[in-house]
C-alpha atoms as a PDB file:
ATOM      1  CA  UNK A   1      24.006  35.620 -24.471  1.00  0.00           C
ATOM      2  CA  UNK A   2      25.881  32.689 -26.166  1.00  0.00           C
ATOM      3  CA  UNK A   3      28.851  32.723 -23.380  1.00  0.00           C
ATOM      4  CA  UNK A   4      25.572  32.092 -20.719  1.00  0.00           C
ATOM      5  CA  UNK A   5      24.500  29.111 -22.784  1.00  0.00           C
ATOM      6  CA  UNK A   6      27.687  27.731 -23.183  1.00  0.00           C
ATOM      7  CA  UNK A   7      28.309  28.181 -19.115  1.00  0.00           C
ATOM      8  CA  UNK A   8      25.024  26.716 -18.366  1.00  0.00           C
ATOM      9  CA  UNK A   9      25.459  23.570 -20.573  1.00  0.00           C
ATOM     10  CA  UNK A  10      28.923  23.163 -19.334  1.00  0.00           C
ATOM     11  CA  UNK A  11      27.853  23.481 -15.475  1.00  0.00           C
ATOM     12  CA  UNK A  12      25.059  20.953 -16.358  1.00  0.00           C
ATOM     13  CA  UNK A  13      27.547  18.246 -17.812  1.00  0.00           C
ATOM     14  CA  UNK A  14      29.826  18.668 -14.785  1.00  0.00           C
ATOM     15  CA  UNK A  15      26.997  18.652 -12.368  1.00  0.00           C
ATOM     16  CA  UNK A  16      25.515  15.485 -13.839  1.00  0.00           C
ATOM     17  CA  UNK A  17      29.062  13.869 -13.952  1.00  0.00           C
ATOM     18  CA  UNK A  18      29.467  14.759 -10.502  1.00  0.00           C
ATOM     19  CA  UNK A  19      26.167  13.588  -9.385  1.00  0.00           C
ATOM     20  CA  UNK A  20      26.620  10.130 -11.025  1.00  0.00           C
ATOM     21  CA  UNK A  21      30.004   9.591  -9.562  1.00  0.00           C
ATOM     22  CA  UNK A  22      28.512  10.215  -6.262  1.00  0.00           C
ATOM     23  CA  UNK A  23      25.471   8.004  -6.705  1.00  0.00           C
ATOM     24  CA  UNK A  24      27.408   4.847  -7.548  1.00  0.00           C
ATOM     25  CA  UNK A  25      30.028   2.927  -5.358  1.00  0.00           C
ATOM     26  CA  UNK A  26      31.736   0.534  -7.395  1.00  0.00           C
ATOM     27  CA  UNK A  27      32.578  -3.161  -6.921  1.00  0.00           C
ATOM     28  CA  UNK A  28      36.090  -3.581  -5.881  1.00  0.00           C
ATOM     29  CA  UNK A  29      38.292  -4.753  -8.756  1.00  0.00           C
ATOM     30  CA  UNK A  30      35.603  -3.640 -11.369  1.00  0.00           C
ATOM     31  CA  UNK A  31      35.779  -0.127 -12.748  1.00  0.00           C
ATOM     32  CA  UNK A  32      32.473   0.427 -13.453  1.00  0.00           C
ATOM     33  CA  UNK A  33      30.285  -2.293 -12.221  1.00  0.00           C
ATOM     34  CA  UNK A  34      28.172  -0.557  -9.250  1.00  0.00           C
ATOM     35  CA  UNK A  35      27.834  -1.893  -5.792  1.00  0.00           C
ATOM     36  CA  UNK A  36      24.460  -2.569  -4.742  1.00  0.00           C
ATOM     37  CA  UNK A  37      23.575  -1.520  -1.531  1.00  0.00           C
ATOM     38  CA  UNK A  38      23.427  -4.531   0.937  1.00  0.00           C
ATOM     39  CA  UNK A  39      26.552  -6.136  -0.237  1.00  0.00           C
ATOM     40  CA  UNK A  40      29.957  -5.803   1.038  1.00  0.00           C
ATOM     41  CA  UNK A  41      33.667  -6.664  -0.005  1.00  0.00           C
ATOM     42  CA  UNK A  42      34.641 -10.096   1.415  1.00  0.00           C
ATOM     43  CA  UNK A  43      38.355  -9.845   2.812  1.00  0.00           C
ATOM     44  CA  UNK A  44      40.562 -11.739   0.074  1.00  0.00           C
ATOM     45  CA  UNK A  45      37.364 -12.154  -2.170  1.00  0.00           C
ATOM     46  CA  UNK A  46      39.032 -10.532  -5.174  1.00  0.00           C
ATOM     47  CA  UNK A  47      40.873 -12.865  -7.688  1.00  0.00           C
ATOM     48  CA  UNK A  48      42.433 -11.703 -10.735  1.00  0.00           C
ATOM     49  CA  UNK A  49      44.831 -13.046 -13.285  1.00  0.00           C
ATOM     50  CA  UNK A  50      45.681 -12.958 -16.996  1.00  0.00           C
ATOM     51  CA  UNK A  51      46.281 -15.665 -19.715  1.00  0.00           C
ATOM     52  CA  UNK A  52      46.859 -16.063 -23.092  1.00  0.00           C
ATOM     53  CA  UNK A  53      43.187 -16.502 -23.498  1.00  0.00           C
ATOM     54  CA  UNK A  54      42.442 -13.181 -21.871  1.00  0.00           C
ATOM     55  CA  UNK A  55      41.639 -12.016 -18.456  1.00  0.00           C
ATOM     56  CA  UNK A  56      39.842 -12.857 -15.527  1.00  0.00           C
ATOM     57  CA  UNK A  57      38.637 -11.321 -12.286  1.00  0.00           C
ATOM     58  CA  UNK A  58      36.190 -12.728  -9.850  1.00  0.00           C
ATOM     59  CA  UNK A  59      34.770 -10.645  -6.815  1.00  0.00           C
ATOM     60  CA  UNK A  60      32.933 -12.548  -3.955  1.00  0.00           C
ATOM     61  CA  UNK A  61      30.545 -10.291  -2.005  1.00  0.00           C
ATOM     62  CA  UNK A  62      28.677 -10.835   1.349  1.00  0.00           C
ATOM     63  CA  UNK A  63      25.156 -10.007   1.038  1.00  0.00           C
ATOM     64  CA  UNK A  64      23.145  -9.116   4.012  1.00  0.00           C
ATOM     65  CA  UNK A  65      20.235 -11.524   5.167  1.00  0.00           C
ATOM     66  CA  UNK A  66      17.733  -9.154   3.622  1.00  0.00           C
ATOM     67  CA  UNK A  67      18.945  -9.306   0.367  1.00  0.00           C
ATOM     68  CA  UNK A  68      17.567 -12.041  -2.010  1.00  0.00           C
ATOM     69  CA  UNK A  69      18.847 -13.320  -5.074  1.00  0.00           C
ATOM     70  CA  UNK A  70      15.994 -11.755  -6.963  1.00  0.00           C
ATOM     71  CA  UNK A  71      16.650  -8.510  -5.702  1.00  0.00           C
ATOM     72  CA  UNK A  72      20.376  -8.521  -6.967  1.00  0.00           C
ATOM     73  CA  UNK A  73      19.359  -9.854 -10.413  1.00  0.00           C
ATOM     74  CA  UNK A  74      16.519  -7.121 -10.733  1.00  0.00           C
ATOM     75  CA  UNK A  75      19.181  -4.334  -9.710  1.00  0.00           C
ATOM     76  CA  UNK A  76      21.857  -5.570 -12.208  1.00  0.00           C
ATOM     77  CA  UNK A  77      19.107  -6.079 -14.811  1.00  0.00           C
ATOM     78  CA  UNK A  78      18.192  -2.325 -14.337  1.00  0.00           C
ATOM     79  CA  UNK A  79      21.647  -0.737 -13.776  1.00  0.00           C
ATOM     80  CA  UNK A  80      23.961  -2.666 -16.156  1.00  0.00           C
ATOM     81  CA  UNK A  81      22.275  -1.849 -19.648  1.00  0.00           C
ATOM     82  CA  UNK A  82      22.375   2.002 -18.780  1.00  0.00           C
ATOM     83  CA  UNK A  83      26.282   1.238 -18.582  1.00  0.00           C
ATOM     84  CA  UNK A  84      26.635  -0.267 -21.896  1.00  0.00           C
ATOM     85  CA  UNK A  85      26.403  -4.006 -20.981  1.00  0.00           C
ATOM     86  CA  UNK A  86      23.865  -6.146 -22.931  1.00  0.00           C
ATOM     87  CA  UNK A  87      22.119  -9.098 -21.540  1.00  0.00           C
ATOM     88  CA  UNK A  88      22.754 -12.259 -22.908  1.00  0.00           C
ATOM     89  CA  UNK A  89      21.559 -15.093 -20.588  1.00  0.00           C
ATOM     90  CA  UNK A  90      19.618 -15.062 -17.098  1.00  0.00           C
ATOM     91  CA  UNK A  91      22.819 -13.789 -15.176  1.00  0.00           C
ATOM     92  CA  UNK A  92      25.483 -13.037 -18.109  1.00  0.00           C
ATOM     93  CA  UNK A  93      25.970  -9.561 -19.543  1.00  0.00           C
ATOM     94  CA  UNK A  94      28.239  -8.808 -22.390  1.00  0.00           C
ATOM     95  CA  UNK A  95      29.902  -5.490 -23.580  1.00  0.00           C
ATOM     96  CA  UNK A  96      32.361  -5.470 -26.121  1.00  0.00           C
ATOM     97  CA  UNK A  97      34.764  -8.141 -25.737  1.00  0.00           C
ATOM     98  CA  UNK A  98      33.900  -8.592 -22.139  1.00  0.00           C
ATOM     99  CA  UNK A  99      31.500 -11.056 -20.543  1.00  0.00           C
ATOM    100  CA  UNK A 100      30.276 -10.441 -16.885  1.00  0.00           C
ATOM    101  CA  UNK A 101      28.077 -13.315 -14.997  1.00  0.00           C
ATOM    102  CA  UNK A 102      26.591 -12.975 -11.780  1.00  0.00           C
ATOM    103  CA  UNK A 103      25.824 -15.913  -9.397  1.00  0.00           C
ATOM    104  CA  UNK A 104      24.297 -15.903  -6.012  1.00  0.00           C
ATOM    105  CA  UNK A 105      24.729 -18.776  -3.519  1.00  0.00           C
ATOM    106  CA  UNK A 106      24.066 -18.874   0.207  1.00  0.00           C
ATOM    107  CA  UNK A 107      24.526 -15.280   0.952  1.00  0.00           C
ATOM    108  CA  UNK A 108      27.663 -14.747  -1.504  1.00  0.00           C
ATOM    109  CA  UNK A 109      27.151 -12.870  -4.709  1.00  0.00           C
ATOM    110  CA  UNK A 110      30.110 -13.678  -7.220  1.00  0.00           C
ATOM    111  CA  UNK A 111      30.697 -11.824 -10.062  1.00  0.00           C
ATOM    112  CA  UNK A 112      32.938 -12.982 -12.955  1.00  0.00           C
ATOM    113  CA  UNK A 113      34.619 -10.812 -15.371  1.00  0.00           C
ATOM    114  CA  UNK A 114      36.291 -12.552 -18.567  1.00  0.00           C
ATOM    115  CA  UNK A 115      37.778 -10.545 -21.385  1.00  0.00           C
END
């Protein structure tokens, strides 16, 4: 009986982790910021460097015409807190020593990550 409970618990955890991994695609250059449907990577759209002040990564994504800024901000307002990000302003989130800001201009969504 105990073996069966342990087996079911482990199976449930494995399935949940697998389902979570299959559910999200992640933004190139960011390990755990989900890629919203309707956004696509721009060739040469990733900039990353380290400095004495910390690291910086910028990713630019193309938004399909149907995607509006309010869609992008609503999506990330919902998804990021579940991944440990706390909203600190209209377009910025914080987690531990990381700061993530999202910008939307003329069909381009820019993500800036500073740590």
